[in-house]
Amino acid sequence: MATKANQLLIGLISILMASGTLATEIIDTPSASKPSLITVYVAKKIVTMDPAIPTATAEIMRCIRLWTDAEGVSRFEEGRIALKDGSTVNLLSGKFPTKSISFAETQAGQSLDWHNAPAKQFVITLRGTLDFWNKLNEHFVITPGDILLAEDVTGTGHSWKLIGYDPWRRAYVILEADGDLAFIKN
């Protein structure tokens, strides 16, 4: 079975290379004990392929963690939300203890100067593309479907600017202070 999975993996990488998208890291390779899924980090997305269904792929949820380091500087790292088999058709995360959820929209062209997250929260982008910056001049881009885990409630903060012509539509999920957030760093 692993041989078939390896053949599918080679086929997937060939397709990606031919389309100009290069697989940069194999996260989970098939084995004799676990021949079910192949996961490959591709550009900004993580793609999972089921060898049993050669045309089936699933993008894993991209998450950017934004936190304050020991020197008080807002930092970020890219990762994903941990998902596991939930049923025959779903991958599911665990349940997160939350305080509230709200929605917001900011018109295209807007920006927000240096600020901290008001609370530990998930910010789920529904529409719009943003460029986030920290005081070290490091930046990352959030696109629709991305999740920002904002934990920089103290320190130097971050800024953002909308890119393009779309408004920024998002959901704010305020999290309880404690609890496993299922963030897996790439």
Protein backbone atom coordinates (compact mmCIF):
# COMPACT_ATOMS: atom_id res chain seq x y z
CA MET A 1 0.00 0.00 0.00
CA ALA A 2 2.82 2.42 0.80
CA THR A 3 4.19 1.90 -2.71
CA LYS A 4 0.88 3.02 -4.23
CA ALA A 5 0.85 6.01 -1.89
CA ASN A 6 4.41 6.90 -2.87
CA GLN A 7 3.44 6.72 -6.54
CA LEU A 8 0.54 9.10 -5.88
CA LEU A 9 2.85 11.44 -3.97
CA ILE A 10 5.31 11.49 -6.87
CA GLY A 11 2.38 12.20 -9.22
CA LEU A 12 1.16 15.04 -7.03
CA ILE A 13 4.61 16.62 -6.85
CA SER A 14 4.99 16.27 -10.63
CA ILE A 15 1.67 18.06 -11.17
CA LEU A 16 2.66 20.83 -8.78
CA MET A 17 6.05 21.27 -10.42
CA ALA A 18 4.47 21.36 -13.88
CA SER A 19 2.02 24.04 -12.74
CA GLY A 20 4.83 26.16 -11.31
CA THR A 21 3.93 25.39 -7.69
CA LEU A 22 6.76 23.53 -6.00
CA ALA A 23 6.16 21.29 -3.00
CA THR A 24 8.57 22.62 -0.41
CA GLU A 25 8.17 20.16 2.44
CA ILE A 26 6.65 16.74 2.93
CA ILE A 27 5.01 16.90 6.33
CA ASP A 28 3.60 13.40 6.65
CA THR A 29 4.69 10.51 4.46
CA PRO A 30 2.79 7.25 4.04
CA SER A 31 3.99 4.19 5.89
CA ALA A 32 2.99 0.55 6.12
CA SER A 33 1.30 1.25 9.46
CA LYS A 34 -0.40 4.47 8.25
CA PRO A 35 -0.93 4.44 4.48
CA SER A 36 -4.00 6.67 4.51
CA LEU A 37 -2.91 10.27 3.91
CA ILE A 38 -0.05 12.19 2.32
CA THR A 39 0.43 15.78 3.47
CA VAL A 40 2.61 18.23 1.56
CA TYR A 41 3.31 21.91 2.33
CA VAL A 42 2.71 23.77 -0.94
CA ALA A 43 3.44 27.50 -1.14
CA LYS A 44 1.08 29.00 1.50
CA LYS A 45 -1.25 26.02 1.78
CA ILE A 46 -0.96 22.52 3.13
CA VAL A 47 -2.48 19.91 0.84
CA THR A 48 -3.55 16.47 2.03
CA MET A 49 -4.07 13.71 -0.49
CA ASP A 50 -5.89 10.46 0.19
CA PRO A 51 -4.21 7.63 -1.78
CA ALA A 52 -7.51 5.75 -1.83
CA ILE A 53 -9.09 8.60 -3.82
CA PRO A 54 -6.44 9.96 -6.24
CA THR A 55 -8.41 13.13 -7.06
CA ALA A 56 -9.32 14.01 -3.44
CA THR A 57 -7.31 16.76 -1.73
CA ALA A 58 -8.07 18.97 1.25
CA GLU A 59 -6.42 22.24 2.22
CA ILE A 60 -5.58 22.35 5.91
CA MET A 61 -6.47 25.56 7.77
CA ARG A 62 -3.61 28.07 7.65
CA CYS A 63 -3.07 29.91 10.92
CA ILE A 64 -0.70 32.75 11.76
CA ARG A 65 0.14 33.06 15.46
CA LEU A 66 0.90 36.61 16.62
CA TRP A 67 2.37 36.86 20.13
CA THR A 68 4.65 39.01 22.31
CA ASP A 69 8.21 37.74 22.91
CA ALA A 70 10.29 38.15 26.10
CA GLU A 71 11.58 41.57 24.89
CA GLY A 72 8.03 42.88 24.40
CA VAL A 73 8.09 42.69 20.58
CA SER A 74 5.12 41.32 18.65
CA ARG A 75 6.26 38.31 16.63
CA PHE A 76 4.52 35.88 14.30
CA GLU A 77 4.87 32.34 13.06
CA GLU A 78 3.01 30.42 10.41
CA GLY A 79 1.31 27.13 11.11
CA ARG A 80 -2.02 25.42 10.99
CA ILE A 81 -4.90 24.33 13.17
CA ALA A 82 -4.58 20.67 14.19
CA LEU A 83 -7.34 18.59 12.64
CA LYS A 84 -8.10 14.92 13.07
CA ASP A 85 -10.59 12.48 11.61
CA GLY A 86 -14.06 13.39 12.76
CA SER A 87 -16.20 11.31 10.45
CA THR A 88 -16.05 9.82 7.00
CA VAL A 89 -16.20 13.28 5.40
CA ASN A 90 -14.77 15.72 7.96
CA LEU A 91 -11.54 16.62 9.64
CA LEU A 92 -12.25 18.35 12.95
CA SER A 93 -10.37 20.39 15.49
CA GLY A 94 -11.05 20.12 19.17
CA LYS A 95 -13.51 22.55 20.76
CA PHE A 96 -12.05 25.82 22.03
CA PRO A 97 -13.35 27.58 25.15
CA THR A 98 -14.64 30.96 23.95
CA LYS A 99 -16.16 34.09 25.49
CA SER A 100 -17.82 35.66 22.44
CA ILE A 101 -17.94 35.99 18.68
CA SER A 102 -18.49 39.17 16.68
CA PHE A 103 -18.18 40.27 13.07
CA ALA A 104 -16.58 43.36 11.55
CA GLU A 105 -16.05 44.95 8.16
CA THR A 106 -13.47 47.55 7.15
CA GLN A 107 -13.67 49.27 3.78
CA ALA A 108 -10.94 48.77 1.17
CA GLY A 109 -7.86 50.97 1.39
CA GLN A 110 -7.90 51.30 5.17
CA SER A 111 -5.04 50.65 7.59
CA LEU A 112 -4.49 50.61 11.33
CA ASP A 113 -1.29 51.87 12.94
CA TRP A 114 0.46 50.22 15.90
CA HIS A 115 -1.88 48.46 18.31
CA ASN A 116 -2.20 45.31 20.39
CA ALA A 117 -4.87 42.67 20.23
CA PRO A 118 -7.57 43.66 22.77
CA ALA A 119 -7.83 40.03 23.92
CA LYS A 120 -6.54 36.58 23.02
CA GLN A 121 -8.59 35.82 19.91
CA PHE A 122 -8.99 34.06 16.61
CA VAL A 123 -9.54 36.51 13.75
CA ILE A 124 -11.00 34.59 10.82
CA THR A 125 -10.73 36.44 7.51
CA LEU A 126 -13.80 35.94 5.32
CA ARG A 127 -12.91 38.47 2.62
CA GLY A 128 -10.02 40.82 1.94
CA THR A 129 -6.23 40.65 1.93
CA LEU A 130 -4.09 42.31 4.59
CA ASP A 131 -0.41 42.98 5.09
CA PHE A 132 0.56 42.82 8.79
CA TRP A 133 3.80 44.34 10.18
CA ASN A 134 5.70 44.28 13.45
CA LYS A 135 8.27 46.77 14.82
CA LEU A 136 11.15 44.61 13.47
CA ASN A 137 9.87 45.35 9.95
CA GLU A 138 8.78 41.72 9.50
CA HIS A 139 5.47 41.15 7.75
CA PHE A 140 2.99 38.50 6.67
CA VAL A 141 -0.10 38.48 4.48
CA ILE A 142 -3.54 37.23 5.50
CA THR A 143 -5.97 36.10 2.79
CA PRO A 144 -9.58 34.86 2.90
CA GLY A 145 -9.85 31.62 4.85
CA ASP A 146 -6.76 32.32 6.96
CA ILE A 147 -6.96 32.35 10.75
CA LEU A 148 -5.00 34.83 12.83
CA LEU A 149 -4.34 33.71 16.41
CA ALA A 150 -3.77 37.11 18.02
CA GLU A 151 -2.05 36.81 21.40
CA ASP A 152 0.00 40.04 21.41
CA VAL A 153 -2.11 41.75 24.06
CA THR A 154 0.97 43.61 25.40
CA GLY A 155 4.21 44.94 23.93
CA THR A 156 5.04 46.87 20.77
CA GLY A 157 2.01 45.67 18.84
CA HIS A 158 1.43 45.29 15.13
CA SER A 159 -0.04 47.29 12.26
CA TRP A 160 -1.95 46.28 9.14
CA LYS A 161 -3.01 47.62 5.76
CA LEU A 162 -5.67 46.31 3.40
CA ILE A 163 -4.32 45.31 -0.01
CA GLY A 164 -6.48 45.43 -3.13
CA TYR A 165 -10.07 46.53 -3.64
CA ASP A 166 -11.98 44.24 -1.26
CA PRO A 167 -13.19 45.18 2.21
CA TRP A 168 -11.92 43.16 5.16
CA ARG A 169 -14.75 40.99 6.50
CA ARG A 170 -13.87 38.96 9.55
CA ALA A 171 -15.07 37.12 12.59
CA TYR A 172 -13.51 37.79 16.00
CA VAL A 173 -13.64 34.81 18.34
CA ILE A 174 -12.56 35.90 21.82
CA LEU A 175 -10.90 32.98 23.59
CA GLU A 176 -10.78 32.01 27.23
CA ALA A 177 -7.34 32.74 28.71
CA ASP A 178 -6.36 29.09 29.08
CA GLY A 179 -6.82 26.08 26.89
CA ASP A 180 -5.15 24.19 24.09
CA LEU A 181 -5.54 26.11 20.85
CA ALA A 182 -4.37 23.30 18.54
CA PHE A 183 -1.82 25.56 16.78
CA ILE A 184 0.91 23.58 15.02
CA LYS A 185 3.93 25.58 13.86
CA ASN A 186 5.13 24.77 10.32
